[in-house]
Protein backbone atom coordinates (compact mmCIF):
# COMPACT_ATOMS: atom_id res chain seq x y z
CA MET A 1 0.00 0.00 0.00
CA LYS A 2 1.14 3.53 -0.76
CA TYR A 3 0.58 6.40 1.65
CA ARG A 4 0.25 10.16 1.41
CA MET A 5 -0.27 12.94 3.94
CA LEU A 6 -3.69 14.09 5.12
CA ALA A 7 -3.71 16.85 7.75
CA GLY A 8 -0.25 15.83 8.90
CA GLU A 9 -0.86 12.09 9.15
CA GLU A 10 -0.11 9.20 6.81
CA VAL A 11 -3.16 7.71 5.12
CA SER A 12 -3.50 4.99 2.52
CA VAL A 13 -4.06 6.35 -0.98
CA LEU A 14 -7.15 4.11 -1.11
CA GLY A 15 -9.85 4.88 1.44
CA PHE A 16 -12.72 2.48 2.19
CA GLY A 17 -16.08 4.19 1.69
CA CYS A 18 -18.58 2.58 4.07
CA MET A 19 -21.89 3.36 2.35
CA ARG A 20 -22.17 0.46 -0.09
CA PHE A 21 -21.72 -2.70 2.01
CA PRO A 22 -23.53 -5.82 0.76
CA THR A 23 -26.93 -6.32 2.40
CA VAL A 24 -29.12 -9.33 3.13
CA SER A 25 -32.29 -7.63 1.93
CA LYS A 26 -33.35 -4.62 -0.11
CA SER A 27 -33.09 -2.49 3.02
CA ALA A 28 -29.81 -0.57 3.27
CA ALA A 29 -29.95 -1.08 7.04
CA ASP A 30 -29.61 -4.87 6.68
CA ILE A 31 -25.83 -5.01 6.29
CA ASN A 32 -24.46 -8.48 5.55
CA ALA A 33 -22.22 -8.57 8.62
CA ASP A 34 -20.12 -11.59 7.66
CA LYS A 35 -19.26 -10.47 4.13
CA SER A 36 -18.74 -6.84 5.11
CA ALA A 37 -16.54 -7.62 8.12
CA ALA A 38 -14.40 -9.90 5.95
CA MET A 39 -13.94 -7.08 3.44
CA LEU A 40 -12.91 -4.67 6.20
CA ARG A 41 -10.44 -7.18 7.67
CA TYR A 42 -8.87 -7.83 4.28
CA ALA A 43 -8.52 -4.10 3.69
CA VAL A 44 -6.80 -3.50 7.04
CA GLU A 45 -4.50 -6.49 6.59
CA ASN A 46 -3.45 -5.15 3.19
CA GLY A 47 -2.62 -1.63 4.32
CA VAL A 48 -5.85 0.36 4.03
CA ASN A 49 -6.03 2.59 7.10
CA TYR A 50 -8.72 5.16 6.19
CA PHE A 51 -12.39 4.26 6.67
CA ASP A 52 -15.06 6.82 5.73
CA THR A 53 -18.60 6.65 7.05
CA ALA A 54 -21.40 9.09 7.93
CA TYR A 55 -24.30 9.46 10.34
CA VAL A 56 -26.83 8.56 7.63
CA TYR A 57 -25.05 5.78 5.70
CA HIS A 58 -26.93 2.46 5.52
CA ASP A 59 -29.96 4.15 7.09
CA GLY A 60 -27.90 5.08 10.14
CA LYS A 61 -26.33 1.64 10.67
CA SER A 62 -22.89 2.11 9.05
CA GLU A 63 -21.20 3.83 12.02
CA SER A 64 -22.31 1.18 14.51
CA PHE A 65 -21.30 -1.62 12.19
CA ILE A 66 -17.77 -0.41 11.51
CA GLY A 67 -17.37 0.61 15.17
CA GLU A 68 -17.80 -3.04 16.12
CA ALA A 69 -16.01 -4.56 13.13
CA LEU A 70 -12.96 -2.31 13.33
CA LYS A 71 -12.64 -2.22 17.12
CA PRO A 72 -9.71 -4.68 17.19
CA TYR A 73 -7.79 -2.43 14.74
CA ARG A 74 -8.59 0.97 16.27
CA ASN A 75 -4.98 1.89 17.07
CA LYS A 76 -3.82 1.31 13.47
CA ILE A 77 -6.64 2.90 11.46
CA LYS A 78 -8.17 6.33 10.83
CA ILE A 79 -11.93 6.75 11.11
CA ALA A 80 -13.69 9.56 9.27
CA THR A 81 -17.32 10.46 9.75
CA LYS A 82 -19.53 13.45 9.13
CA CYS A 83 -21.86 15.83 10.91
CA PRO A 84 -25.27 15.62 9.17
CA THR A 85 -25.62 19.37 8.73
CA TRP A 86 -29.28 19.13 7.66
CA HIS A 87 -30.15 17.65 11.08
CA ILE A 88 -28.77 20.67 12.96
CA LYS A 89 -31.67 22.86 14.10
CA LYS A 90 -29.92 24.51 17.07
CA GLU A 91 -26.37 24.75 18.43
CA GLU A 92 -26.86 21.96 20.97
CA ASP A 93 -27.65 19.45 18.20
CA PHE A 94 -23.98 19.40 17.18
CA ASP A 95 -22.83 18.02 20.54
CA ILE A 96 -25.75 15.61 20.83
CA ILE A 97 -25.01 14.09 17.42
CA LEU A 98 -21.22 14.02 17.89
CA ASN A 99 -21.56 12.19 21.21
CA GLU A 100 -23.96 9.72 19.61
CA GLN A 101 -21.45 9.10 16.82
CA LEU A 102 -18.64 8.47 19.31
CA GLU A 103 -20.87 5.93 21.04
CA ARG A 104 -21.83 4.26 17.76
CA LEU A 105 -18.19 4.05 16.68
CA GLN A 106 -17.08 2.74 20.10
CA THR A 107 -14.24 5.25 20.24
CA ASP A 108 -13.13 8.23 22.32
CA TYR A 109 -12.16 10.28 19.28
CA ILE A 110 -12.81 10.62 15.55
CA ASP A 111 -9.71 11.09 13.42
CA TYR A 112 -11.31 13.10 10.60
CA TYR A 113 -14.61 14.90 11.14
CA LEU A 114 -16.38 16.58 8.23
CA MET A 115 -19.28 18.96 7.83
CA HIS A 116 -21.35 16.83 5.47
CA ALA A 117 -22.31 17.93 1.94
CA LEU A 118 -21.83 21.67 2.29
CA ASP A 119 -23.33 24.01 -0.25
CA LYS A 120 -24.03 27.74 -0.06
CA GLU A 121 -27.32 27.35 1.80
CA ARG A 122 -26.03 24.87 4.39
CA PHE A 123 -22.87 26.88 4.99
CA ASP A 124 -24.70 30.17 5.49
CA ASN A 125 -27.85 28.91 7.23
CA ILE A 126 -26.42 26.09 9.31
CA VAL A 127 -22.63 26.25 9.75
CA VAL A 128 -22.49 30.03 10.19
CA LYS A 129 -25.90 30.46 11.84
CA TYR A 130 -25.25 27.86 14.54
CA ASN A 131 -21.55 28.70 15.11
CA LEU A 132 -20.43 25.23 14.05
CA ILE A 133 -16.85 26.34 13.42
CA ASP A 134 -16.57 27.23 17.12
CA LYS A 135 -18.19 23.90 17.94
CA LEU A 136 -15.62 22.07 15.81
CA ASN A 137 -12.74 23.89 17.47
CA LYS A 138 -14.10 23.12 20.95
CA ALA A 139 -14.56 19.43 20.11
CA LYS A 140 -11.01 19.31 18.78
CA ALA A 141 -9.64 21.01 21.90
CA GLU A 142 -11.49 18.41 24.00
CA GLY A 143 -9.91 15.59 21.99
CA LYS A 144 -13.19 14.31 20.54
CA ILE A 145 -12.03 15.00 16.99
CA ARG A 146 -8.51 15.34 15.64
CA HIS A 147 -8.89 16.98 12.24
CA ILE A 148 -11.55 19.31 10.84
CA GLY A 149 -12.83 19.32 7.25
CA PHE A 150 -15.89 19.37 5.02
CA SER A 151 -17.37 17.54 2.07
CA PHE A 152 -18.78 19.64 -0.72
CA HIS A 153 -21.49 19.76 -3.40
CA ASP A 154 -21.99 23.13 -5.09
CA ASP A 155 -20.26 25.42 -7.59
CA CYS A 156 -16.58 26.35 -7.48
CA GLU A 157 -17.21 29.93 -6.37
CA THR A 158 -19.02 28.66 -3.27
CA PHE A 159 -16.22 26.18 -2.63
CA ILE A 160 -13.62 28.95 -2.68
CA ARG A 161 -15.76 31.13 -0.42
CA ILE A 162 -16.13 28.35 2.16
CA ILE A 163 -12.37 27.77 2.18
CA ASP A 164 -11.60 31.47 2.51
CA SER A 165 -14.22 32.07 5.21
CA ASN A 166 -12.59 29.86 7.82
CA PRO A 167 -8.90 29.33 8.61
CA VAL A 168 -9.54 26.15 10.65
CA TRP A 169 -10.20 23.78 7.73
CA GLU A 170 -7.46 21.17 7.42
CA PHE A 171 -8.88 19.13 4.56
CA CYS A 172 -11.84 18.85 2.22
CA GLN A 173 -13.62 16.18 0.23
CA ILE A 174 -14.79 16.82 -3.33
CA GLN A 175 -16.32 14.94 -6.21
CA PHE A 176 -13.73 14.59 -8.96
CA ASN A 177 -12.83 12.22 -11.79
CA TYR A 178 -11.67 12.47 -15.39
CA ILE A 179 -15.23 13.32 -16.46
CA ASN A 180 -16.12 15.92 -13.78
CA LEU A 181 -13.26 18.31 -14.49
CA ASP A 182 -15.48 21.39 -14.48
CA TYR A 183 -18.30 20.10 -12.30
CA GLN A 184 -18.80 21.41 -8.75
CA ALA A 185 -15.33 22.20 -7.27
CA GLY A 186 -13.63 20.62 -10.29
CA THR A 187 -9.99 21.01 -11.27
CA ARG A 188 -9.98 24.67 -10.31
CA GLY A 189 -11.23 23.89 -6.82
CA LEU A 190 -8.78 21.02 -6.37
CA GLU A 191 -5.86 23.25 -7.23
CA TYR A 192 -7.17 26.13 -5.12
CA ALA A 193 -7.58 23.97 -2.01
CA HIS A 194 -4.05 22.62 -2.44
CA LYS A 195 -2.65 26.12 -2.84
CA LYS A 196 -4.42 27.21 0.35
CA GLY A 197 -2.90 24.32 2.31
CA LEU A 198 -5.92 22.02 2.47
CA ASP A 199 -5.37 18.35 1.74
CA VAL A 200 -7.97 16.87 -0.60
CA ILE A 201 -9.97 13.63 -0.51
CA ILE A 202 -11.72 12.50 -3.68
CA MET A 203 -15.20 10.95 -3.72
CA GLU A 204 -17.01 9.55 -6.75
CA PRO A 205 -13.76 8.50 -8.47
CA LEU A 206 -15.83 6.15 -10.67
CA LEU A 207 -18.81 8.50 -11.06
CA GLY A 208 -21.24 6.20 -9.29
CA GLY A 209 -19.90 3.17 -11.17
CA LYS A 210 -20.33 4.69 -14.63
CA LEU A 211 -16.55 4.64 -15.22
CA ALA A 212 -16.23 1.06 -13.98
CA ASN A 213 -18.69 -0.33 -16.52
CA PRO A 214 -18.72 2.17 -19.37
CA SER A 215 -20.70 1.76 -22.55
CA GLU A 216 -18.99 0.01 -25.43
CA GLN A 217 -18.48 3.34 -27.20
CA VAL A 218 -16.64 4.73 -24.16
CA ARG A 219 -14.72 1.52 -23.47
CA ARG A 220 -13.28 1.51 -27.00
CA THR A 221 -11.50 4.81 -26.30
CA LEU A 222 -9.52 3.30 -23.40
CA SER A 223 -6.32 1.32 -23.85
CA ASP A 224 -6.77 -2.30 -22.76
CA GLU A 225 -3.46 -2.29 -20.86
CA LYS A 226 -5.53 -1.36 -17.80
CA THR A 227 -9.12 -1.88 -16.71
CA PRO A 228 -11.51 1.09 -16.87
CA VAL A 229 -11.43 1.21 -13.05
CA GLU A 230 -7.64 1.37 -12.95
CA TRP A 231 -7.52 4.16 -15.54
CA ALA A 232 -10.03 6.19 -13.52
CA MET A 233 -8.14 5.71 -10.26
CA ASP A 234 -4.73 6.33 -11.81
CA PHE A 235 -6.00 9.63 -13.20
CA LEU A 236 -6.55 10.76 -9.60
CA TRP A 237 -3.42 9.27 -8.04
CA ASN A 238 -1.46 10.91 -10.84
CA ARG A 239 -2.18 14.29 -9.23
CA GLU A 240 -0.03 15.41 -6.31
CA GLU A 241 -2.96 17.42 -4.89
CA VAL A 242 -4.87 14.20 -4.12
CA SER A 243 -4.24 12.69 -0.68
CA LEU A 244 -6.53 9.71 -1.20
CA LEU A 245 -9.56 8.56 -3.11
CA LEU A 246 -12.58 6.87 -1.59
CA SER A 247 -14.12 3.76 -3.09
CA GLY A 248 -17.50 2.55 -1.84
CA MET A 249 -16.62 -1.11 -2.19
CA GLY A 250 -19.51 -3.57 -2.08
CA ALA A 251 -17.80 -6.90 -2.78
CA MET A 252 -14.56 -8.62 -1.83
CA GLU A 253 -13.49 -8.73 -5.47
CA GLN A 254 -13.62 -4.93 -5.61
CA VAL A 255 -11.53 -4.67 -2.43
CA ARG A 256 -8.84 -6.99 -3.81
CA GLU A 257 -8.70 -5.28 -7.20
CA ASN A 258 -8.62 -1.74 -5.81
CA ILE A 259 -5.86 -2.59 -3.35
CA ALA A 260 -3.84 -4.06 -6.22
CA TYR A 261 -4.28 -0.82 -8.15
CA ALA A 262 -3.36 1.28 -5.09
CA ASP A 263 -0.12 -0.66 -4.65
CA LYS A 264 1.11 0.96 -7.88
CA ALA A 265 -0.15 4.50 -7.25
CA GLU A 266 2.31 7.33 -7.85
CA ALA A 267 2.00 11.05 -8.52
CA GLY A 268 2.99 11.67 -12.14
CA MET A 269 2.39 8.04 -13.11
CA LEU A 270 0.53 8.85 -16.36
CA SER A 271 2.14 9.96 -19.60
CA ALA A 272 0.96 12.83 -21.79
CA ALA A 273 -0.43 10.22 -24.18
CA ASN A 274 -2.41 8.61 -21.33
CA LEU A 275 -3.91 11.96 -20.37
CA ASP A 276 -4.81 12.73 -23.99
CA MET A 277 -6.58 9.37 -24.19
CA LEU A 278 -8.63 10.14 -21.08
CA ALA A 279 -9.50 13.59 -22.43
CA HIS A 280 -10.84 11.91 -25.58
CA THR A 281 -12.78 9.44 -23.43
CA LYS A 282 -14.36 12.38 -21.61
CA ASP A 283 -15.45 13.88 -24.93
CA VAL A 284 -17.16 10.64 -25.92
CA PHE A 285 -18.75 10.20 -22.49
CA ASP A 286 -20.08 13.75 -22.36
CA LYS A 287 -22.07 13.18 -25.53
CA MET A 288 -23.90 10.32 -23.81
CA ALA A 289 -24.50 11.53 -20.24
CA LEU A 290 -28.04 12.85 -19.84
CA VAL A 291 -28.43 13.07 -16.05
CA PRO A 292 -25.38 13.28 -13.70
CA CYS A 293 -26.80 10.77 -11.19
CA THR A 294 -24.12 8.94 -9.18
CA LYS A 295 -26.56 6.51 -7.49
CA CYS A 296 -25.73 7.84 -4.02
CA ALA A 297 -29.43 7.26 -3.16
CA TYR A 298 -29.72 10.31 -0.91
CA CYS A 299 -33.03 10.82 -2.73
CA MET A 300 -34.38 7.53 -1.41
CA PRO A 301 -36.82 6.41 -0.25
CA CYS A 302 -39.27 8.23 -2.48
CA PRO A 303 -42.62 8.86 -0.72
CA PHE A 304 -44.39 7.54 -3.81
CA GLY A 305 -42.28 4.41 -4.28
CA LEU A 306 -40.14 5.44 -7.26
CA ASP A 307 -36.65 3.96 -7.57
CA ILE A 308 -35.15 7.28 -8.67
CA PRO A 309 -31.55 6.12 -9.34
CA LYS A 310 -32.81 3.17 -11.40
CA ILE A 311 -35.07 5.41 -13.46
CA PHE A 312 -32.10 7.66 -14.21
CA GLU A 313 -30.02 4.59 -15.07
CA ALA A 314 -32.63 3.64 -17.67
CA TYR A 315 -32.71 7.19 -19.02
CA ASN A 316 -28.92 7.43 -19.36
CA ALA A 317 -28.92 4.04 -21.04
CA THR A 318 -30.93 5.49 -23.93
CA ALA A 319 -27.75 7.36 -24.91
CA SER A 320 -25.10 4.81 -24.00
CA LEU A 321 -26.74 1.40 -24.53
CA GLY A 322 -29.56 2.13 -26.94
CA MET A 323 -33.33 2.36 -26.52
CA SER A 324 -33.94 -1.39 -26.54
CA ARG A 325 -31.69 -2.09 -23.54
CA ALA A 326 -32.84 1.09 -21.82
CA LYS A 327 -36.47 0.00 -22.13
CA GLU A 328 -35.62 -3.38 -20.59
CA ILE A 329 -34.24 -1.57 -17.54
CA TYR A 330 -37.22 0.78 -17.40
CA ASP A 331 -39.79 -2.00 -17.81
CA SER A 332 -38.27 -3.86 -14.84
CA LEU A 333 -39.36 -1.03 -12.52
CA ASN A 334 -42.47 -1.46 -10.38
CA LYS A 335 -43.32 2.23 -10.60
CA LYS A 336 -42.54 4.39 -13.60
CA ALA A 337 -41.60 8.04 -13.88
CA ASP A 338 -45.21 9.11 -14.42
CA LYS A 339 -45.92 8.28 -10.75
CA CYS A 340 -43.78 11.23 -9.63
CA ARG A 341 -45.95 13.74 -7.76
CA LYS A 342 -43.31 16.50 -7.84
CA CYS A 343 -43.13 16.86 -4.07
CA LYS A 344 -39.41 17.70 -4.57
CA LYS A 345 -38.36 16.04 -1.32
CA CYS A 346 -35.66 14.29 -3.37
CA GLU A 347 -34.42 17.54 -4.90
CA SER A 348 -33.82 19.08 -1.48
CA VAL A 349 -31.18 16.46 -0.66
CA CYS A 350 -29.68 15.66 -4.08
CA PRO A 351 -25.90 16.41 -3.94
CA GLN A 352 -25.87 16.85 -7.71
CA SER A 353 -28.72 19.41 -7.68
CA ILE A 354 -30.59 17.43 -10.33
CA LYS A 355 -34.03 18.77 -11.23
CA ILE A 356 -35.54 15.37 -10.57
CA SER A 357 -39.22 16.22 -10.99
CA GLN A 358 -38.61 17.93 -14.34
CA ASN A 359 -36.61 14.95 -15.54
CA MET A 360 -39.34 12.52 -14.49
CA THR A 361 -41.79 14.27 -16.81
CA LYS A 362 -39.30 14.07 -19.68
CA ILE A 363 -38.43 10.43 -18.95
CA SER A 364 -42.09 9.44 -18.82
CA GLU A 365 -42.64 10.98 -22.24
CA ILE A 366 -39.57 9.28 -23.74
CA PHE A 367 -40.49 5.79 -22.56
CA SER A 368 -44.18 6.12 -23.43
């Protein structure tokens, strides 16, 4: 395993994202304990030392699960979790939630604590309004957290403003991959954070799996000397600004393969020809992407029973796989896009700011 620095400590270049464990039912809360614990053990034994969870992952069960599963390894690993900013309604909520998280994780301290999914509204109306920066500093002084950061979903101007507004940030977490160069924080934000002294964690390195299993048109643009997953990860490890990338691994095979890729990670590992190839791949991909859904499922459950990520998968497939295959995916759904009642509950939590209700109308028309 290779290591880089994150807020002054060595972390594995591959971080284990704990929001996509295998389950024993359709409920995200029903984590398959045996399979998931085996994956975590294998990761630790092969050098992964950074484990990223959140208050809401697996319907609130992820923190408790990894707290128990990783307890024997606590002195050799780093645990990262996040304050669910949208749950903060008053200053006291911060301490109540943090103490609950410490209990769930069975630990006295959290190595890396993030304000979760900041955008302009949450920063202004929650972080600033409820003095959460002071709360973070106090928790750090008390030894409950060791490093302070934030994850981000908004435009680059907002990202820069959040960085500049507070000198206490030590690191940040952004969505970035060889497709999303100008999306949200993007390349400009990555470079700005690095220049300002913040270490950077990358989420969505595979764009919700789209870069792991690309369409045939996209796959043909990639050299077969590496898998699509390895090309996507190497693009990130190639950059010195990246401390680590997170992979939400859901099967042992993914853990083994990603660790093998991480063993070879180096800044500057890609040639100019490699980067030109990935730029061409982006051009091809961009012509096919209709909705930038990463399948994070923050929009779920839908009050009216729609499987929103699956509907978007079918819609995107009309461009990448053809209408016949797209219709097979769409027809497998119990409830179609026309059942959307435009309550917009999903839109209020979508990290990608997708106009879901508008798209449901369009998708219904396309498939009918």
